[in-house]
Amino acid sequence: MTTVPTKSKAPSKTLSTDEIKQTFSRLQSDIQTLASKIGELESEADEHEYELVPIL
C-alpha cells in the first residue's frame, strides 16, 4: 500500500479582499475549464460507443 505524505498546515495567512476575489475568479475559471473538458470527453465517449455498437 502506498502512503502519501501529508502537508503540515502552515500558519494561516490573512488574505486581502482583492486576493480573495482573485482566487475566487481563478477557481471559477478552473471549474469552467474542467466542466468544458468533461463535456468534451463525454461527447468523445458517446462517439466511440456509436462506433462500437455496429461491431458487436
Protein backbone atom coordinates (compact mmCIF):
# COMPACT_ATOMS: atom_id res chain seq x y z
CA MET A 1 0.00 0.00 0.00
CA THR A 2 1.35 3.40 -0.96
CA THR A 3 1.20 6.22 1.51
CA VAL A 4 1.01 9.84 0.52
CA PRO A 5 2.86 12.33 2.68
CA THR A 6 0.53 14.84 4.26
CA LYS A 7 1.15 18.53 4.24
CA SER A 8 1.50 20.18 7.57
CA LYS A 9 -0.65 23.23 7.94
CA ALA A 10 1.31 26.41 7.57
CA PRO A 11 0.40 29.33 9.78
CA SER A 12 -2.75 30.86 8.35
CA LYS A 13 -2.26 33.99 6.31
CA THR A 14 -4.88 36.70 6.26
CA LEU A 15 -5.92 37.40 2.69
CA SER A 16 -6.95 40.79 1.43
CA THR A 17 -10.30 41.28 -0.26
CA ASP A 18 -8.58 41.57 -3.64
CA GLU A 19 -6.66 38.32 -3.08
CA ILE A 20 -9.89 36.55 -2.17
CA LYS A 21 -11.62 37.91 -5.28
CA GLN A 22 -8.70 36.88 -7.50
CA THR A 23 -8.62 33.39 -6.00
CA PHE A 24 -12.38 33.05 -6.39
CA SER A 25 -12.21 34.16 -10.03
CA ARG A 26 -9.36 31.75 -10.73
CA LEU A 27 -11.26 28.88 -9.15
CA GLN A 28 -14.39 29.74 -11.14
CA SER A 29 -12.31 29.72 -14.31
CA ASP A 30 -10.75 26.38 -13.36
CA ILE A 31 -14.20 24.90 -12.73
CA GLN A 32 -15.46 26.16 -16.09
CA THR A 33 -12.41 24.68 -17.84
CA LEU A 34 -12.91 21.33 -16.12
CA ALA A 35 -16.64 21.30 -16.92
CA SER A 36 -15.84 22.01 -20.56
CA LYS A 37 -13.27 19.20 -20.66
CA ILE A 38 -15.72 16.78 -19.03
CA GLY A 39 -18.31 17.64 -21.67
CA GLU A 40 -15.74 17.12 -24.41
CA LEU A 41 -14.72 13.72 -23.01
CA GLU A 42 -18.35 12.63 -22.60
CA SER A 43 -19.02 13.59 -26.21
CA GLU A 44 -16.00 11.62 -27.39
CA ALA A 45 -17.08 8.62 -25.31
CA ASP A 46 -20.52 8.75 -26.94
CA GLU A 47 -18.93 8.89 -30.39
CA HIS A 48 -16.80 5.84 -29.63
CA GLU A 49 -19.83 3.99 -28.29
CA TYR A 50 -21.65 4.60 -31.57
CA GLU A 51 -18.64 3.23 -33.44
CA LEU A 52 -18.51 0.08 -31.31
CA VAL A 53 -22.21 -0.83 -31.44
CA PRO A 54 -22.17 -1.95 -35.12
CA ILE A 55 -19.04 -4.04 -34.46
CA LEU A 56 -20.70 -6.00 -31.68
